[in-house]
Amino acid sequence: MNKKELVSLIGRHTWLREPVINNVIDAFFTEETFALYRGEKVNLGSFGSFKPQKRAARIGRNPHTGDAVPIPARIMPVFKAGSSLRKTVSQKEI
């Protein structure tokens, strides 16, 4: 599902028009991004949570040449699925 499909689906379940839904989604992602930038955890109830996590510097390999490439330390956003999301997705047969 992409953003356009999500906006359309939310529009079917609410009285909101698509431009309003689009603005709400944009505002949500902007605020979530800034919260992670500030080092805060973003908890979305039983859906899951995002938190910033430090990744240590390491040495990687260039797949074409095999040369060692230094990868600097950085902070990455990490998502942990909540209990409701895990339960719902795990019921789906593969």
C-alpha atoms as a PDB file:
ATOM      1  CA  MET A   1       0.000   0.000   0.000  1.00  0.00           C
ATOM      2  CA  ASN A   2       1.287   3.442  -0.843  1.00  0.00           C
ATOM      3  CA  LYS A   3       0.284   6.836   0.553  1.00  0.00           C
ATOM      4  CA  LYS A   4      -2.331   7.515  -2.138  1.00  0.00           C
ATOM      5  CA  GLU A   5      -4.045   4.183  -1.439  1.00  0.00           C
ATOM      6  CA  LEU A   6      -3.936   4.848   2.313  1.00  0.00           C
ATOM      7  CA  VAL A   7      -5.543   8.274   1.858  1.00  0.00           C
ATOM      8  CA  SER A   8      -8.275   6.733  -0.283  1.00  0.00           C
ATOM      9  CA  LEU A   9      -8.998   3.981   2.265  1.00  0.00           C
ATOM     10  CA  ILE A  10      -9.178   6.433   5.164  1.00  0.00           C
ATOM     11  CA  GLY A  11     -11.530   8.576   3.083  1.00  0.00           C
ATOM     12  CA  ARG A  12     -13.908   5.634   2.721  1.00  0.00           C
ATOM     13  CA  HIS A  13     -14.081   5.157   6.496  1.00  0.00           C
ATOM     14  CA  THR A  14     -14.356   8.805   7.541  1.00  0.00           C
ATOM     15  CA  TRP A  15     -16.167  11.963   6.525  1.00  0.00           C
ATOM     16  CA  LEU A  16     -12.850  13.667   5.722  1.00  0.00           C
ATOM     17  CA  ARG A  17     -11.891  14.686   2.206  1.00  0.00           C
ATOM     18  CA  GLU A  18      -8.651  13.454   0.653  1.00  0.00           C
ATOM     19  CA  PRO A  19      -6.741  16.789   0.839  1.00  0.00           C
ATOM     20  CA  VAL A  20      -7.457  16.969   4.580  1.00  0.00           C
ATOM     21  CA  ILE A  21      -6.376  13.359   5.115  1.00  0.00           C
ATOM     22  CA  ASN A  22      -3.220  14.014   3.103  1.00  0.00           C
ATOM     23  CA  ASN A  23      -2.388  17.018   5.332  1.00  0.00           C
ATOM     24  CA  VAL A  24      -2.992  14.973   8.494  1.00  0.00           C
ATOM     25  CA  ILE A  25      -0.707  12.183   7.297  1.00  0.00           C
ATOM     26  CA  ASP A  26       1.998  14.686   6.316  1.00  0.00           C
ATOM     27  CA  ALA A  27       1.733  16.391   9.731  1.00  0.00           C
ATOM     28  CA  PHE A  28       1.924  13.030  11.509  1.00  0.00           C
ATOM     29  CA  PHE A  29       5.105  12.001   9.708  1.00  0.00           C
ATOM     30  CA  THR A  30       6.674  15.432  10.219  1.00  0.00           C
ATOM     31  CA  GLU A  31       6.004  15.390  13.965  1.00  0.00           C
ATOM     32  CA  GLU A  32       7.124  11.770  14.290  1.00  0.00           C
ATOM     33  CA  THR A  33      10.351  12.561  12.446  1.00  0.00           C
ATOM     34  CA  PHE A  34      11.122  15.560  14.680  1.00  0.00           C
ATOM     35  CA  ALA A  35      10.355  13.540  17.832  1.00  0.00           C
ATOM     36  CA  LEU A  36      12.848  10.868  16.738  1.00  0.00           C
ATOM     37  CA  TYR A  37      15.357  13.605  15.865  1.00  0.00           C
ATOM     38  CA  ARG A  38      15.012  14.917  19.437  1.00  0.00           C
ATOM     39  CA  GLY A  39      15.735  11.414  20.745  1.00  0.00           C
ATOM     40  CA  GLU A  40      12.178  10.682  21.852  1.00  0.00           C
ATOM     41  CA  LYS A  41      10.341   7.389  21.555  1.00  0.00           C
ATOM     42  CA  VAL A  42       7.086   7.486  19.551  1.00  0.00           C
ATOM     43  CA  ASN A  43       4.523   5.036  20.942  1.00  0.00           C
ATOM     44  CA  LEU A  44       1.465   4.264  18.806  1.00  0.00           C
ATOM     45  CA  GLY A  45      -0.397   2.056  21.271  1.00  0.00           C
ATOM     46  CA  SER A  46      -0.849  -1.579  20.335  1.00  0.00           C
ATOM     47  CA  PHE A  47       0.284  -0.836  16.756  1.00  0.00           C
ATOM     48  CA  GLY A  48       3.932  -0.385  17.738  1.00  0.00           C
ATOM     49  CA  SER A  49       6.618   2.121  18.559  1.00  0.00           C
ATOM     50  CA  PHE A  50       9.537   3.893  16.942  1.00  0.00           C
ATOM     51  CA  LYS A  51      12.707   4.849  18.754  1.00  0.00           C
ATOM     52  CA  PRO A  52      16.103   6.210  17.775  1.00  0.00           C
ATOM     53  CA  GLN A  53      18.876   3.657  18.214  1.00  0.00           C
ATOM     54  CA  LYS A  54      22.637   4.141  17.992  1.00  0.00           C
ATOM     55  CA  ARG A  55      24.546   2.035  15.486  1.00  0.00           C
ATOM     56  CA  ALA A  56      28.263   1.659  16.087  1.00  0.00           C
ATOM     57  CA  ALA A  57      30.849   2.411  13.429  1.00  0.00           C
ATOM     58  CA  ARG A  58      31.972  -0.652  11.514  1.00  0.00           C
ATOM     59  CA  ILE A  59      33.865  -1.834   8.485  1.00  0.00           C
ATOM     60  CA  GLY A  60      31.838  -2.942   5.477  1.00  0.00           C
ATOM     61  CA  ARG A  61      32.862  -4.395   2.137  1.00  0.00           C
ATOM     62  CA  ASN A  62      32.376  -3.032  -1.358  1.00  0.00           C
ATOM     63  CA  PRO A  63      30.513  -5.883  -3.106  1.00  0.00           C
ATOM     64  CA  HIS A  64      32.153  -5.159  -6.460  1.00  0.00           C
ATOM     65  CA  THR A  65      35.789  -4.870  -5.381  1.00  0.00           C
ATOM     66  CA  GLY A  66      35.854  -6.483  -1.942  1.00  0.00           C
ATOM     67  CA  ASP A  67      37.637  -3.415  -0.526  1.00  0.00           C
ATOM     68  CA  ALA A  68      37.043  -2.469   3.096  1.00  0.00           C
ATOM     69  CA  VAL A  69      34.788   0.576   3.469  1.00  0.00           C
ATOM     70  CA  PRO A  70      34.397   2.405   6.786  1.00  0.00           C
ATOM     71  CA  ILE A  71      30.756   2.899   7.806  1.00  0.00           C
ATOM     72  CA  PRO A  72      30.408   5.720  10.350  1.00  0.00           C
ATOM     73  CA  ALA A  73      28.371   5.513  13.561  1.00  0.00           C
ATOM     74  CA  ARG A  74      24.855   6.872  13.225  1.00  0.00           C
ATOM     75  CA  ILE A  75      21.430   6.943  14.788  1.00  0.00           C
ATOM     76  CA  MET A  76      18.707   4.977  13.023  1.00  0.00           C
ATOM     77  CA  PRO A  77      14.954   4.844  13.627  1.00  0.00           C
ATOM     78  CA  VAL A  78      13.856   1.372  14.737  1.00  0.00           C
ATOM     79  CA  PHE A  79      10.260   0.070  14.689  1.00  0.00           C
ATOM     80  CA  LYS A  80       8.982  -2.518  17.140  1.00  0.00           C
ATOM     81  CA  ALA A  81       5.565  -3.973  16.328  1.00  0.00           C
ATOM     82  CA  GLY A  82       2.972  -3.912  19.106  1.00  0.00           C
ATOM     83  CA  SER A  83       1.092  -6.917  20.384  1.00  0.00           C
ATOM     84  CA  SER A  84      -2.078  -6.263  18.368  1.00  0.00           C
ATOM     85  CA  LEU A  85      -0.152  -5.840  15.103  1.00  0.00           C
ATOM     86  CA  ARG A  86       1.974  -8.949  15.724  1.00  0.00           C
ATOM     87  CA  LYS A  87      -1.095 -11.027  16.572  1.00  0.00           C
ATOM     88  CA  THR A  88      -3.060  -9.885  13.511  1.00  0.00           C
ATOM     89  CA  VAL A  89      -0.204 -10.398  11.056  1.00  0.00           C
ATOM     90  CA  SER A  90       0.797 -13.781  12.503  1.00  0.00           C
ATOM     91  CA  GLN A  91      -2.719 -15.137  11.860  1.00  0.00           C
ATOM     92  CA  LYS A  92      -2.187 -14.751   8.112  1.00  0.00           C
ATOM     93  CA  GLU A  93      -1.146 -18.009   6.475  1.00  0.00           C
ATOM     94  CA  ILE A  94       1.758 -17.853   4.084  1.00  0.00           C
END
